[in-house]
Amino acid sequence: MKRPVTLRLLATLAATAMGAAVCVALTTPQASAAVGSATGFATRNGGTTGGAGGQTVRATTGTQIHAALCNRASSSTPIIIQVEGTINHGNTTKVSGSSCNTAADVIELKQISNVTILGVGNGAVFDQLGIHIREASNIIIQNVTVRNVKKSGSPTSNGGDAIGMEATVRNVWVDHVTLLASGGESAGFDGLFDMKNNTQYVTLSYSILRNSGRGGLIGSSESDRSNGFVTFHHNLYENIDSRTPLLRGGVSHIYNNHYVRLNKSGINSRAGAQAKVDNNYFQNSKDVLGTFYTDQAGYWQVSGNIFDNVTWSSRSGDTNPAGPNPTSNTSVSIPYSFSLDSASCVPSVVSQTAGANKGNRTSNGNCTPQSPTTGPTTPTPGPTTPTPGPTSPTPTPSQPSGTNLSIGAGSDGSSKASGTSYGDVRDGDMSTAWSPNGSTGSISIKWGSATSISQINIREASGATGNIRDWRVLDHDSGAVLATGTGAGVITFAPTSLRKVTFEITSSSGTPRVAEFETYAG
């Protein structure tokens, strides 16, 4: 089935030779393997610690990542690979060695174990280049963006999957990642997060999956039922046609996720799969849970979910939605402890925590985002521990609470520099940004009807922290000045009902770059 969505492709960069890749890699022993610790089913079967206790290697190209794997003493020697910059076809080549089995044009984690890939510094972006995990175990991928991986057209990588796992994979924790496509199968894309052929004990947490025909699957066919024990929590699925996820056999735990604009279907439990679906928030979507496109039924246990403007098809043939009033048709036992946020606060919590470059924040089960803790080993100073850097909100002690009202609103401004867009400040993506055509300018968020707000959060893009100096916040229609100040971050003012709020930059120390203009009722 072909389900195209909005198209957007991004360019690739130039090559880096393998020899240079090995020379520039920096190593530090005994560094922290990740921020925080694995959750969900990834904690079972012995747990998931990645490269904890191993050497830390810095990589800025795909070739360097492969070289780090190949330079280990063995295929199971723990290693932490800190990644910064853009990884693409031009700088990703095959590297050979006794401790690796790599390939060009894909990040290949094959026949290996005990590896952490961690985005650091100004961020790690895998551009049109997928991550393939095969015959591997104890893998952590954290704080990276993977975008526009295609299976047809040019260039291609990883069968069109952003992250794909297959062939006896065990214990994988993927956390705080952003997975993006620019369309469906007809545009050359496949799944964002796929598991098949005996993949088990996986957790996907605090991540964004956006703009794809297919979110992801567990099991490649109705007979591929060797997969399972997968947890999905605190993720944002937005503008996805189907498979959020598709489940064939096995057990899955799906809780505290925010689903927005699921266009065809959502959680598709089929072929005997069992899904425990707790405290999720489904919004502006269709057929968000059920058994679809097959006559082989799946099962679900539901509790605490919110269905906000969700439409349901009538049951007919291979269309068997769980709604309009979903009830449980099985009971699913979960073998680990977990804390549930109330579904009503899931949009707010997820908007503040999910995705790469969000400071690896998590929730404590009380609807309150928390700063991260270190991973399973003692952190060392300097480059071995990722820092939130410029992508975290700046002034004021805490992130605004409530729903970011900019998501789904409109935007415009005084001008925009080449390659930037007004819409980039309200897409929930810190890797995109707006800049004025000069050192000053204004950016606005607008709604179709009067909306009450009392806080905004101006988040500067990576590499531009501190560029914004003096500013004003205006009720655009009346011209009233709501607040003035210096430096980006959280800005609070008296609750105001308006249709358009403007952030006006009146001075800067460099080119301003606003990644997100968030608005809150307060």
Protein backbone atom coordinates (compact mmCIF):
# COMPACT_ATOMS: atom_id res chain seq x y z
CA MET A 1 0.00 0.00 0.00
CA LYS A 2 1.35 3.42 -0.94
CA ARG A 3 0.68 6.33 1.33
CA PRO A 4 2.65 9.45 0.30
CA VAL A 5 2.96 12.43 2.61
CA THR A 6 4.76 15.77 2.26
CA LEU A 7 8.08 15.64 0.42
CA ARG A 8 11.30 17.25 1.51
CA LEU A 9 14.78 16.05 0.63
CA LEU A 10 18.07 17.22 2.02
CA ALA A 11 21.53 17.29 0.48
CA THR A 12 24.65 15.24 1.13
CA LEU A 13 28.21 16.39 1.85
CA ALA A 14 31.73 15.46 0.71
CA ALA A 15 33.85 12.39 1.41
CA THR A 16 36.45 11.76 4.09
CA ALA A 17 39.13 9.10 3.59
CA MET A 18 39.41 6.16 5.97
CA GLY A 19 43.00 6.89 6.97
CA ALA A 20 42.18 10.43 8.03
CA ALA A 21 39.10 9.12 9.83
CA VAL A 22 41.19 6.88 12.05
CA CYS A 23 43.76 9.60 12.79
CA VAL A 24 41.32 12.24 14.04
CA ALA A 25 39.34 9.97 16.35
CA LEU A 26 39.88 10.89 20.01
CA THR A 27 39.83 8.21 22.70
CA THR A 28 39.06 8.38 26.40
CA PRO A 29 38.81 5.23 28.54
CA GLN A 30 36.04 4.42 31.03
CA ALA A 31 33.53 7.09 29.98
CA SER A 32 29.81 7.18 30.60
CA ALA A 33 28.06 5.04 28.01
CA ALA A 34 24.86 7.03 27.82
CA VAL A 35 22.73 9.60 29.61
CA GLY A 36 20.35 7.82 31.97
CA SER A 37 19.63 4.10 31.94
CA ALA A 38 17.59 1.81 29.74
CA THR A 39 13.88 1.40 30.44
CA GLY A 40 11.15 -1.02 29.45
CA PHE A 41 11.82 -4.40 27.88
CA ALA A 42 15.44 -3.35 27.16
CA THR A 43 16.07 -3.85 30.88
CA ARG A 44 15.20 -7.57 30.64
CA ASN A 45 17.25 -10.49 29.35
CA GLY A 46 20.32 -9.25 31.23
CA GLY A 47 19.73 -5.55 30.51
CA THR A 48 21.06 -3.06 27.96
CA THR A 49 24.22 -1.10 28.82
CA GLY A 50 25.77 -0.60 25.38
CA GLY A 51 29.42 0.32 25.53
CA ALA A 52 29.49 1.07 29.27
CA GLY A 53 32.98 0.68 30.69
CA GLY A 54 34.61 0.79 27.28
CA GLN A 55 36.75 3.25 25.39
CA THR A 56 35.21 6.45 24.03
CA VAL A 57 35.91 7.41 20.41
CA ARG A 58 34.88 10.66 18.73
CA ALA A 59 33.55 10.44 15.14
CA THR A 60 32.45 13.08 12.65
CA THR A 61 32.03 10.78 9.62
CA GLY A 62 30.46 7.41 8.97
CA THR A 63 33.87 6.02 8.05
CA GLN A 64 35.15 7.00 11.49
CA ILE A 65 32.22 5.16 13.11
CA HIS A 66 33.06 2.02 11.15
CA ALA A 67 36.78 2.42 11.90
CA ALA A 68 36.02 2.66 15.63
CA LEU A 69 34.17 -0.66 15.47
CA CYS A 70 36.92 -2.31 13.46
CA ASN A 71 39.75 -1.11 15.70
CA ARG A 72 38.42 -2.90 18.79
CA ALA A 73 40.17 -5.94 20.21
CA SER A 74 37.10 -8.06 19.44
CA SER A 75 33.55 -7.74 18.15
CA SER A 76 32.29 -7.66 21.76
CA THR A 77 34.79 -5.19 23.25
CA PRO A 78 32.67 -2.36 24.76
CA ILE A 79 32.91 0.98 22.95
CA ILE A 80 31.18 4.37 23.12
CA ILE A 81 31.16 6.27 19.83
CA GLN A 82 30.40 9.96 20.28
CA VAL A 83 29.12 11.43 17.03
CA GLU A 84 28.94 15.08 15.99
CA GLY A 85 28.17 16.59 12.60
CA THR A 86 26.48 15.29 9.46
CA ILE A 87 26.99 11.66 8.51
CA ASN A 88 26.13 10.95 4.87
CA HIS A 89 26.95 8.85 1.80
CA GLY A 90 29.95 10.99 0.94
CA ASN A 91 31.74 10.25 4.21
CA THR A 92 30.60 6.69 4.94
CA THR A 93 32.68 3.88 3.46
CA LYS A 94 33.27 0.23 4.28
CA VAL A 95 36.07 -0.50 6.76
CA SER A 96 37.44 -4.00 7.27
CA GLY A 97 38.67 -5.73 10.40
CA SER A 98 38.29 -8.82 12.54
CA SER A 99 35.95 -7.05 15.01
CA CYS A 100 33.49 -5.64 12.47
CA ASN A 101 31.44 -6.33 9.35
CA THR A 102 30.68 -2.95 7.81
CA ALA A 103 29.37 -1.67 4.48
CA ALA A 104 29.33 1.54 2.49
CA ASP A 105 26.32 3.87 2.45
CA VAL A 106 24.88 2.61 5.76
CA ILE A 107 25.94 2.57 9.41
CA GLU A 108 26.37 -1.18 9.79
CA LEU A 109 26.18 -2.68 13.30
CA LYS A 110 26.46 -6.30 12.22
CA GLN A 111 27.65 -9.33 14.20
CA ILE A 112 28.79 -7.14 17.09
CA SER A 113 27.78 -6.31 20.68
CA ASN A 114 28.29 -3.77 23.48
CA VAL A 115 28.15 -0.54 21.47
CA THR A 116 26.81 2.93 22.25
CA ILE A 117 26.31 5.56 19.54
CA LEU A 118 25.77 8.92 21.21
CA GLY A 119 25.12 12.30 19.60
CA VAL A 120 27.12 15.09 21.28
CA GLY A 121 28.07 18.74 20.90
CA ASN A 122 26.14 20.54 18.19
CA GLY A 123 24.26 17.36 17.26
CA ALA A 124 24.57 14.28 15.08
CA VAL A 125 22.56 14.01 11.87
CA PHE A 126 22.51 10.89 9.70
CA ASP A 127 21.40 12.44 6.42
CA GLN A 128 19.80 9.99 3.93
CA LEU A 129 21.84 7.28 5.68
CA GLY A 130 20.21 4.56 7.78
CA ILE A 131 21.41 2.60 10.80
CA HIS A 132 21.28 -1.19 10.32
CA ILE A 133 21.48 -3.56 13.31
CA ARG A 134 21.89 -7.23 12.37
CA GLU A 135 22.94 -10.26 14.43
CA ALA A 136 23.87 -7.88 17.24
CA SER A 137 23.16 -7.34 20.92
CA ASN A 138 23.45 -4.76 23.70
CA ILE A 139 23.24 -1.66 21.52
CA ILE A 140 22.35 1.90 22.60
CA ILE A 141 21.57 4.71 20.15
CA GLN A 142 20.91 8.06 21.80
CA ASN A 143 20.48 11.73 20.88
CA VAL A 144 20.80 11.49 17.09
CA THR A 145 18.68 12.50 14.09
CA VAL A 146 18.17 10.15 11.13
CA ARG A 147 16.41 11.70 8.17
CA ASN A 148 15.21 10.96 4.64
CA VAL A 149 16.52 7.40 4.22
CA LYS A 150 15.28 5.99 0.90
CA LYS A 151 14.89 2.56 -0.65
CA SER A 152 14.32 3.88 -4.18
CA GLY A 153 15.51 6.93 -6.04
CA SER A 154 18.91 8.30 -5.14
CA PRO A 155 20.72 7.90 -2.87
CA THR A 156 19.43 4.75 -1.20
CA SER A 157 20.33 3.22 2.16
CA ASN A 158 19.18 0.49 4.55
CA GLY A 159 16.15 -0.54 2.50
CA GLY A 160 14.56 2.82 3.24
CA ASP A 161 14.50 2.34 7.03
CA ALA A 162 15.83 5.05 9.34
CA ILE A 163 16.70 2.40 11.95
CA GLY A 164 16.26 -1.26 11.08
CA MET A 165 16.90 -4.43 13.11
CA GLU A 166 16.89 -8.02 11.89
CA ALA A 167 18.32 -11.51 12.28
CA THR A 168 18.69 -12.40 15.97
CA VAL A 169 18.97 -8.97 17.56
CA ARG A 170 18.77 -8.67 21.35
CA ASN A 171 18.66 -5.78 23.80
CA VAL A 172 18.55 -2.48 21.96
CA TRP A 173 17.70 0.86 23.59
CA VAL A 174 16.96 3.75 21.20
CA ASP A 175 16.40 6.97 23.14
CA HIS A 176 15.92 10.66 22.42
CA VAL A 177 16.25 10.28 18.67
CA THR A 178 14.47 12.11 15.85
CA LEU A 179 13.48 9.95 12.87
CA LEU A 180 12.20 11.84 9.83
CA ALA A 181 11.04 10.99 6.33
CA SER A 182 9.55 13.16 3.60
CA GLY A 183 6.85 10.90 2.26
CA GLY A 184 5.61 7.38 1.80
CA GLU A 185 6.59 4.37 -0.27
CA SER A 186 5.82 6.06 -3.59
CA ALA A 187 8.35 8.75 -2.68
CA GLY A 188 11.01 6.13 -1.95
CA PHE A 189 10.73 5.79 1.83
CA ASP A 190 9.90 2.79 4.00
CA GLY A 191 9.76 2.47 7.81
CA LEU A 192 11.26 4.71 10.44
CA PHE A 193 11.79 1.99 13.07
CA ASP A 194 11.57 -1.64 11.89
CA MET A 195 12.22 -4.93 13.71
CA LYS A 196 12.06 -8.37 12.10
CA ASN A 197 13.44 -11.92 12.00
CA ASN A 198 13.93 -12.64 15.70
CA THR A 199 14.44 -9.19 17.24
CA GLN A 200 13.64 -9.00 20.96
CA TYR A 201 14.02 -6.84 24.09
CA VAL A 202 13.91 -3.40 22.51
CA THR A 203 12.85 -0.02 23.90
CA LEU A 204 12.13 3.15 21.90
CA SER A 205 11.78 6.10 24.28
CA TYR A 206 11.52 9.89 24.19
CA SER A 207 11.77 10.05 20.40
CA ILE A 208 10.10 11.80 17.46
CA LEU A 209 8.86 9.93 14.37
CA ARG A 210 7.47 12.30 11.75
CA ASN A 211 6.30 12.69 8.15
CA SER A 212 6.37 9.08 6.96
CA GLY A 213 4.01 6.67 5.32
CA ARG A 214 5.11 4.01 7.82
CA GLY A 215 6.12 4.48 11.42
CA GLY A 216 7.54 1.01 11.93
CA LEU A 217 6.83 -2.69 12.29
CA ILE A 218 7.54 -5.72 14.43
CA GLY A 219 7.60 -8.70 12.08
CA SER A 220 8.02 -8.60 8.30
CA SER A 221 5.08 -10.91 7.51
CA GLU A 222 2.23 -12.74 9.25
CA SER A 223 4.54 -15.74 9.71
CA ASP A 224 7.41 -13.71 11.20
CA ARG A 225 6.30 -14.00 14.82
CA SER A 226 9.71 -14.48 16.47
CA ASN A 227 9.93 -10.82 17.48
CA GLY A 228 8.62 -9.05 20.53
CA PHE A 229 9.12 -7.74 24.03
CA VAL A 230 9.24 -4.16 22.77
CA THR A 231 8.42 -0.99 24.73
CA PHE A 232 7.39 2.33 23.20
CA HIS A 233 7.04 5.23 25.64
CA HIS A 234 7.04 9.04 25.59
CA ASN A 235 7.38 9.22 21.81
CA LEU A 236 5.76 11.65 19.37
CA TYR A 237 4.30 10.12 16.21
CA GLU A 238 3.23 12.95 13.89
CA ASN A 239 1.90 12.93 10.33
CA ILE A 240 2.26 9.18 9.86
CA ASP A 241 -0.01 7.19 7.56
CA SER A 242 0.15 3.85 9.41
CA ARG A 243 2.24 1.41 11.51
CA THR A 244 2.64 3.24 14.82
CA PRO A 245 3.61 0.44 15.14
CA LEU A 246 2.43 -2.62 13.20
CA LEU A 247 2.69 -5.70 15.47
CA ARG A 248 2.88 -9.28 14.25
CA GLY A 249 3.02 -11.65 17.19
CA GLY A 250 4.89 -10.99 20.40
CA VAL A 251 4.21 -8.62 23.30
CA SER A 252 4.50 -4.84 23.21
CA HIS A 253 4.01 -2.17 25.86
CA ILE A 254 2.90 1.18 24.47
CA TYR A 255 2.46 4.00 26.98
CA ASN A 256 2.58 7.78 27.34
CA ASN A 257 3.00 8.42 23.61
CA HIS A 258 1.50 11.40 21.78
CA TYR A 259 -0.04 10.56 18.41
CA VAL A 260 -0.94 13.44 16.08
CA ARG A 261 -2.34 13.09 12.54
CA LEU A 262 -2.28 9.35 12.04
CA ASN A 263 -3.80 9.47 8.58
CA LYS A 264 -4.83 5.89 7.80
CA SER A 265 -4.33 3.75 10.90
CA GLY A 266 -2.24 3.67 14.05
CA ILE A 267 -1.34 0.79 16.37
CA ASN A 268 -2.06 -2.26 14.20
CA SER A 269 -2.05 -5.38 16.38
CA ARG A 270 -2.40 -8.47 14.21
CA ALA A 271 -1.28 -12.06 13.75
CA GLY A 272 -1.65 -12.87 17.44
CA ALA A 273 0.23 -9.86 18.78
CA GLN A 274 -0.58 -8.59 22.27
CA ALA A 275 -0.29 -4.88 23.07
CA LYS A 276 -0.70 -3.17 26.42
CA VAL A 277 -1.76 0.37 25.55
CA ASP A 278 -1.66 2.74 28.54
CA ASN A 279 -2.18 6.48 29.02
CA ASN A 280 -1.50 7.59 25.45
CA TYR A 281 -2.91 10.76 23.88
CA PHE A 282 -4.36 10.26 20.38
CA GLN A 283 -5.19 13.48 18.54
CA ASN A 284 -6.66 14.47 15.16
CA SER A 285 -6.26 10.93 13.84
CA LYS A 286 -8.08 7.98 12.28
CA ASP A 287 -8.39 4.34 13.42
CA VAL A 288 -5.64 4.67 16.01
CA LEU A 289 -5.93 1.09 17.32
CA GLY A 290 -7.18 -2.20 15.93
CA THR A 291 -6.43 -4.95 13.42
CA PHE A 292 -6.09 -3.68 9.86
CA TYR A 293 -5.25 -5.03 6.40
CA THR A 294 -5.42 -8.69 7.49
CA ASP A 295 -7.88 -11.32 8.66
CA GLN A 296 -5.43 -12.53 11.35
CA ALA A 297 -6.48 -10.82 14.57
CA GLY A 298 -4.30 -9.25 17.21
CA TYR A 299 -5.17 -8.26 20.77
CA TRP A 300 -4.92 -5.32 23.16
CA GLN A 301 -5.37 -4.25 26.74
CA VAL A 302 -6.28 -0.57 27.05
CA SER A 303 -6.43 1.84 29.97
CA GLY A 304 -6.20 5.57 30.60
CA ASN A 305 -5.95 6.69 26.97
CA ILE A 306 -7.41 9.96 25.62
CA PHE A 307 -8.97 10.05 22.15
CA ASP A 308 -9.14 13.68 21.01
CA ASN A 309 -10.85 14.19 17.64
CA VAL A 310 -10.29 10.58 16.59
CA THR A 311 -12.48 9.12 13.83
CA TRP A 312 -13.22 5.41 13.44
CA SER A 313 -14.09 3.35 10.38
CA SER A 314 -16.94 0.85 10.39
CA ARG A 315 -15.85 -2.77 10.83
CA SER A 316 -15.79 -4.52 7.49
CA GLY A 317 -13.57 -7.20 5.94
CA ASP A 318 -9.98 -6.64 6.99
CA THR A 319 -10.77 -3.35 8.76
CA ASN A 320 -11.37 -3.99 12.45
CA PRO A 321 -10.83 -0.85 14.54
CA ALA A 322 -10.94 -1.06 18.32
CA GLY A 323 -13.15 2.07 18.54
CA PRO A 324 -15.16 4.16 18.84
CA ASN A 325 -15.12 2.95 22.46
CA PRO A 326 -12.00 0.79 22.76
CA THR A 327 -12.15 -1.98 25.33
CA SER A 328 -9.63 -4.67 26.22
CA ASN A 329 -9.83 -8.08 24.54
CA THR A 330 -6.84 -9.62 26.39
CA SER A 331 -4.69 -9.19 29.49
CA VAL A 332 -0.97 -8.45 29.12
CA SER A 333 1.55 -8.93 31.92
CA ILE A 334 4.48 -6.49 32.07
CA PRO A 335 7.56 -7.83 33.94
CA TYR A 336 9.24 -4.52 34.82
CA SER A 337 8.32 -1.48 36.90
CA PHE A 338 7.30 1.79 35.23
CA SER A 339 5.67 5.11 36.15
CA LEU A 340 2.75 6.39 34.10
CA ASP A 341 2.15 10.06 33.41
CA SER A 342 -1.50 11.01 33.17
CA ALA A 343 -2.62 10.96 29.54
CA SER A 344 -3.85 14.55 29.88
CA CYS A 345 -0.30 15.87 30.30
CA VAL A 346 1.34 13.63 27.68
CA PRO A 347 1.34 16.30 24.90
CA SER A 348 3.15 18.73 27.19
CA VAL A 349 5.64 16.22 28.60
CA VAL A 350 6.45 14.73 25.20
CA SER A 351 6.89 18.16 23.58
CA GLN A 352 9.47 19.04 26.25
CA THR A 353 11.38 15.76 26.28
CA ALA A 354 11.12 13.82 23.01
CA GLY A 355 13.68 13.98 20.22
CA ALA A 356 17.36 14.67 19.73
CA ASN A 357 18.95 17.81 21.16
CA LYS A 358 16.35 18.21 23.91
CA GLY A 359 18.89 17.76 26.70
CA ASN A 360 17.88 14.09 27.19
CA ARG A 361 15.14 15.13 29.61
CA THR A 362 12.75 12.50 30.92
CA SER A 363 9.56 12.32 33.00
CA ASN A 364 9.21 11.10 36.57
CA GLY A 365 5.63 9.90 36.18
CA ASN A 366 4.25 13.10 37.73
CA CYS A 367 3.97 15.06 34.47
CA THR A 368 7.20 16.90 35.29
CA PRO A 369 10.23 16.78 32.96
CA GLN A 370 13.48 16.00 34.75
CA SER A 371 17.10 16.77 33.98
CA PRO A 372 19.08 13.68 32.98
CA THR A 373 21.24 11.54 35.20
CA THR A 374 24.43 9.88 34.10
CA GLY A 375 24.55 6.39 32.68
CA PRO A 376 25.68 3.10 34.16
CA THR A 377 29.31 4.09 34.63
CA THR A 378 30.99 7.05 36.30
CA PRO A 379 31.13 10.01 33.89
CA THR A 380 34.41 11.72 33.12
CA PRO A 381 34.79 15.44 32.48
CA GLY A 382 35.12 17.02 29.09
CA PRO A 383 33.95 15.64 25.75
CA THR A 384 33.00 12.15 26.96
CA THR A 385 29.74 13.34 28.52
CA PRO A 386 27.16 14.90 26.17
CA THR A 387 26.03 18.35 27.16
CA PRO A 388 22.65 19.83 26.33
CA GLY A 389 24.46 22.81 24.81
CA PRO A 390 22.61 25.45 22.84
CA THR A 391 19.57 23.31 22.13
CA SER A 392 18.29 23.47 25.72
CA PRO A 393 16.17 26.43 26.84
CA THR A 394 18.23 29.16 28.40
CA PRO A 395 17.09 31.60 31.15
CA THR A 396 14.64 30.83 33.95
CA PRO A 397 14.77 27.73 36.09
CA SER A 398 12.19 25.53 34.41
CA GLN A 399 10.50 24.66 31.16
CA PRO A 400 6.97 26.05 30.74
CA SER A 401 4.21 23.61 31.62
CA GLY A 402 1.25 22.70 29.45
CA THR A 403 0.83 22.20 25.72
CA ASN A 404 3.01 24.07 23.24
CA LEU A 405 0.28 26.01 21.41
CA SER A 406 2.58 26.82 18.49
CA ILE A 407 2.31 23.26 17.17
CA GLY A 408 -0.49 23.38 14.60
CA ALA A 409 -0.63 27.21 14.56
CA GLY A 410 0.52 29.53 11.76
CA SER A 411 3.59 31.74 11.54
CA ASP A 412 5.06 34.64 9.59
CA GLY A 413 7.68 37.33 10.05
CA SER A 414 9.40 40.45 8.82
CA SER A 415 11.87 38.62 6.55
CA LYS A 416 13.66 35.29 6.25
CA ALA A 417 17.20 34.48 5.30
CA SER A 418 17.92 32.07 2.46
CA GLY A 419 17.33 28.46 3.44
CA THR A 420 15.18 29.29 6.47
CA SER A 421 11.42 29.21 6.95
CA TYR A 422 8.84 30.81 9.22
CA GLY A 423 7.28 27.38 9.71
CA ASP A 424 10.52 25.98 11.15
CA VAL A 425 9.86 27.71 14.49
CA ARG A 426 6.66 25.72 15.14
CA ASP A 427 7.53 22.23 13.92
CA GLY A 428 8.97 20.84 17.17
CA ASP A 429 12.28 20.17 15.39
CA MET A 430 15.42 21.80 16.82
CA SER A 431 17.39 20.99 13.66
CA THR A 432 15.41 23.54 11.59
CA ALA A 433 15.34 27.29 12.18
CA TRP A 434 14.31 30.78 11.02
CA SER A 435 16.70 33.68 10.63
CA PRO A 436 15.85 37.25 9.59
CA ASN A 437 17.50 38.70 6.51
CA GLY A 438 19.88 40.70 8.66
CA SER A 439 20.76 41.13 12.34
CA THR A 440 17.27 42.16 13.47
CA GLY A 441 13.73 41.17 12.58
CA SER A 442 10.55 39.64 13.91
CA ILE A 443 8.85 36.25 13.93
CA SER A 444 5.18 35.67 14.81
CA ILE A 445 2.89 32.81 15.83
CA LYS A 446 -0.76 33.22 14.86
CA TRP A 447 -4.07 31.43 15.37
CA GLY A 448 -7.44 31.51 13.65
CA SER A 449 -9.19 32.68 16.81
CA ALA A 450 -8.20 34.48 20.00
CA THR A 451 -5.86 32.38 22.15
CA SER A 452 -4.78 33.10 25.71
CA ILE A 453 -1.04 32.85 26.42
CA SER A 454 1.22 33.99 29.25
CA GLN A 455 4.57 32.41 28.37
CA ILE A 456 6.75 31.95 25.34
CA ASN A 457 10.02 30.05 24.97
CA ILE A 458 12.47 31.27 22.34
CA ARG A 459 14.94 28.45 21.64
CA GLU A 460 18.02 29.41 19.66
CA ALA A 461 19.42 26.99 17.10
CA SER A 462 22.61 25.02 17.55
CA GLY A 463 25.64 27.25 17.01
CA ALA A 464 23.69 30.49 17.56
CA THR A 465 23.27 30.52 21.33
CA GLY A 466 23.55 34.04 22.74
CA ASN A 467 23.21 35.79 19.40
CA ILE A 468 19.83 37.29 20.34
CA ARG A 469 20.36 40.31 22.56
CA ASP A 470 17.50 42.82 23.01
CA TRP A 471 13.91 41.97 22.16
CA ARG A 472 10.26 42.88 22.57
CA VAL A 473 7.15 40.69 22.72
CA LEU A 474 4.09 42.28 21.09
CA ASP A 475 0.39 41.69 20.69
CA HIS A 476 0.70 42.09 16.96
CA ASP A 477 -2.83 43.36 16.27
CA SER A 478 -2.95 45.97 19.04
CA GLY A 479 0.73 46.81 19.11
CA ALA A 480 0.81 46.42 22.90
CA VAL A 481 4.23 45.57 24.33
CA LEU A 482 3.84 42.49 26.54
CA ALA A 483 7.49 42.16 27.62
CA THR A 484 11.00 43.41 26.89
CA GLY A 485 14.39 42.00 27.81
CA THR A 486 17.76 40.60 26.78
CA GLY A 487 18.69 37.05 25.77
CA ALA A 488 16.53 34.19 24.52
CA GLY A 489 14.73 31.68 26.72
CA VAL A 490 11.48 31.52 28.68
CA ILE A 491 9.55 34.81 28.81
CA THR A 492 6.56 35.30 31.13
CA PHE A 493 3.97 38.08 30.98
CA ALA A 494 0.39 38.75 32.08
CA PRO A 495 -2.14 36.34 30.49
CA THR A 496 -3.23 37.89 27.20
CA SER A 497 -5.88 36.83 24.69
CA LEU A 498 -4.65 37.50 21.16
CA ARG A 499 -4.63 36.13 17.62
CA LYS A 500 -0.98 36.83 16.86
CA VAL A 501 2.08 37.19 19.10
CA THR A 502 5.32 38.67 17.75
CA PHE A 503 8.86 38.27 19.02
CA GLU A 504 10.84 41.26 17.74
CA ILE A 505 14.65 41.12 17.83
CA THR A 506 15.94 44.67 18.17
CA SER A 507 19.66 43.88 18.56
CA SER A 508 21.95 40.86 18.20
CA SER A 509 25.60 39.86 18.48
CA GLY A 510 25.45 37.71 15.35
CA THR A 511 22.88 36.31 12.99
CA PRO A 512 19.85 35.29 15.10
CA ARG A 513 18.58 31.74 14.53
CA VAL A 514 15.32 30.77 16.21
CA ALA A 515 14.78 27.01 16.16
CA GLU A 516 11.51 27.02 18.13
CA PHE A 517 9.04 29.75 19.16
CA GLU A 518 6.95 27.91 21.74
CA THR A 519 3.81 29.42 23.27
CA TYR A 520 2.00 28.37 26.44
CA ALA A 521 -1.16 29.31 28.29
CA GLY A 522 0.84 29.16 31.55
